[in-house]
Amino acid sequence: MNKFSPEIEALMTTVVFLSCRVEAIIRLLEDKGISIDSKKVDAETHRIHSIQGSVIRYQISCRLKDPNFDFK
């Protein structure tokens, strides 16, 4: 496996964690008989991104600078 800088490793960890979290939520909803149209999910994702994108980017950049970064 390639060796990446700690910042890139933290970024990849963040992306993978968030992807897994979204998948978990979708599965839990489906287990309860709730399905959501992917176009509606995409539309809501874009809406949230337009409002909170800068704040989330800042939070991630702070995590990338933390030498003890990890999800707890």
C-alpha atoms as a PDB file:
ATOM      1  CA  MET A   1       0.000   0.000   0.000  1.00  0.00           C
ATOM      2  CA  ASN A   2       1.170   3.523  -0.722  1.00  0.00           C
ATOM      3  CA  LYS A   3       2.507   5.665   2.090  1.00  0.00           C
ATOM      4  CA  PHE A   4       0.652   8.960   2.320  1.00  0.00           C
ATOM      5  CA  SER A   5       1.252  12.025   4.442  1.00  0.00           C
ATOM      6  CA  PRO A   6      -0.605  12.129   7.770  1.00  0.00           C
ATOM      7  CA  GLU A   7      -2.875  14.838   6.355  1.00  0.00           C
ATOM      8  CA  ILE A   8      -3.900  12.724   3.365  1.00  0.00           C
ATOM      9  CA  GLU A   9      -4.392   9.674   5.606  1.00  0.00           C
ATOM     10  CA  ALA A  10      -6.663  11.768   7.866  1.00  0.00           C
ATOM     11  CA  LEU A  11      -8.589  13.054   4.861  1.00  0.00           C
ATOM     12  CA  MET A  12      -9.077   9.551   3.485  1.00  0.00           C
ATOM     13  CA  THR A  13     -10.163   8.337   6.922  1.00  0.00           C
ATOM     14  CA  THR A  14     -12.715  11.156   7.086  1.00  0.00           C
ATOM     15  CA  VAL A  15     -14.121  10.376   3.636  1.00  0.00           C
ATOM     16  CA  VAL A  16     -14.338   6.639   4.316  1.00  0.00           C
ATOM     17  CA  PHE A  17     -15.921   7.183   7.747  1.00  0.00           C
ATOM     18  CA  LEU A  18     -18.561   9.538   6.363  1.00  0.00           C
ATOM     19  CA  SER A  19     -19.333   7.204   3.470  1.00  0.00           C
ATOM     20  CA  CYS A  20     -19.778   4.296   5.894  1.00  0.00           C
ATOM     21  CA  ARG A  21     -21.962   6.439   8.137  1.00  0.00           C
ATOM     22  CA  VAL A  22     -24.266   7.370   5.256  1.00  0.00           C
ATOM     23  CA  GLU A  23     -24.481   3.701   4.221  1.00  0.00           C
ATOM     24  CA  ALA A  24     -25.317   2.697   7.811  1.00  0.00           C
ATOM     25  CA  ILE A  25     -28.131   5.254   8.006  1.00  0.00           C
ATOM     26  CA  ILE A  26     -29.581   4.088   4.701  1.00  0.00           C
ATOM     27  CA  ARG A  27     -29.463   0.432   5.824  1.00  0.00           C
ATOM     28  CA  LEU A  28     -31.071   1.229   9.178  1.00  0.00           C
ATOM     29  CA  LEU A  29     -33.854   3.116   7.438  1.00  0.00           C
ATOM     30  CA  GLU A  30     -34.383   0.256   4.982  1.00  0.00           C
ATOM     31  CA  ASP A  31     -34.546  -2.204   7.905  1.00  0.00           C
ATOM     32  CA  LYS A  32     -37.446  -0.127   9.211  1.00  0.00           C
ATOM     33  CA  GLY A  33     -39.152  -0.206   5.808  1.00  0.00           C
ATOM     34  CA  ILE A  34     -38.196   3.344   4.878  1.00  0.00           C
ATOM     35  CA  SER A  35     -36.685   3.952   1.483  1.00  0.00           C
ATOM     36  CA  ILE A  36     -35.696   7.330   0.136  1.00  0.00           C
ATOM     37  CA  ASP A  37     -35.434   8.242  -3.532  1.00  0.00           C
ATOM     38  CA  SER A  38     -31.782   8.817  -4.413  1.00  0.00           C
ATOM     39  CA  LYS A  39     -32.667  12.026  -6.281  1.00  0.00           C
ATOM     40  CA  LYS A  40     -34.184  13.419  -3.075  1.00  0.00           C
ATOM     41  CA  VAL A  41     -31.062  12.420  -1.144  1.00  0.00           C
ATOM     42  CA  ASP A  42     -28.887  14.152  -3.752  1.00  0.00           C
ATOM     43  CA  ALA A  43     -31.036  17.302  -3.672  1.00  0.00           C
ATOM     44  CA  GLU A  44     -30.902  17.475   0.131  1.00  0.00           C
ATOM     45  CA  THR A  45     -27.146  16.808   0.068  1.00  0.00           C
ATOM     46  CA  HIS A  46     -26.629  19.750  -2.286  1.00  0.00           C
ATOM     47  CA  ARG A  47     -28.845  21.984  -0.130  1.00  0.00           C
ATOM     48  CA  ILE A  48     -26.929  21.118   3.045  1.00  0.00           C
ATOM     49  CA  HIS A  49     -23.601  21.507   1.252  1.00  0.00           C
ATOM     50  CA  SER A  50     -24.525  24.983   0.050  1.00  0.00           C
ATOM     51  CA  ILE A  51     -25.366  26.043   3.611  1.00  0.00           C
ATOM     52  CA  GLN A  52     -22.790  24.162   5.700  1.00  0.00           C
ATOM     53  CA  GLY A  53     -20.037  23.278   3.231  1.00  0.00           C
ATOM     54  CA  SER A  54     -17.595  25.962   4.368  1.00  0.00           C
ATOM     55  CA  VAL A  55     -18.042  25.119   8.048  1.00  0.00           C
ATOM     56  CA  ILE A  56     -17.531  21.402   7.411  1.00  0.00           C
ATOM     57  CA  ARG A  57     -14.444  22.088   5.296  1.00  0.00           C
ATOM     58  CA  TYR A  58     -13.005  24.143   8.154  1.00  0.00           C
ATOM     59  CA  GLN A  59     -13.726  21.365  10.671  1.00  0.00           C
ATOM     60  CA  ILE A  60     -12.021  18.815   8.431  1.00  0.00           C
ATOM     61  CA  SER A  61      -9.002  21.083   7.941  1.00  0.00           C
ATOM     62  CA  CYS A  62      -8.679  21.343  11.730  1.00  0.00           C
ATOM     63  CA  ARG A  63      -8.786  17.552  11.999  1.00  0.00           C
ATOM     64  CA  LEU A  64      -6.088  17.235   9.360  1.00  0.00           C
ATOM     65  CA  LYS A  65      -3.784  19.451  11.430  1.00  0.00           C
ATOM     66  CA  ASP A  66      -4.380  17.419  14.610  1.00  0.00           C
ATOM     67  CA  PRO A  67      -1.504  14.907  15.029  1.00  0.00           C
ATOM     68  CA  ASN A  68      -3.743  12.768  17.250  1.00  0.00           C
ATOM     69  CA  PHE A  69      -6.621  12.658  14.757  1.00  0.00           C
ATOM     70  CA  ASP A  70      -8.940   9.698  15.136  1.00  0.00           C
ATOM     71  CA  PHE A  71     -12.663   9.046  15.303  1.00  0.00           C
ATOM     72  CA  LYS A  72     -13.724   8.335  18.847  1.00  0.00           C
END
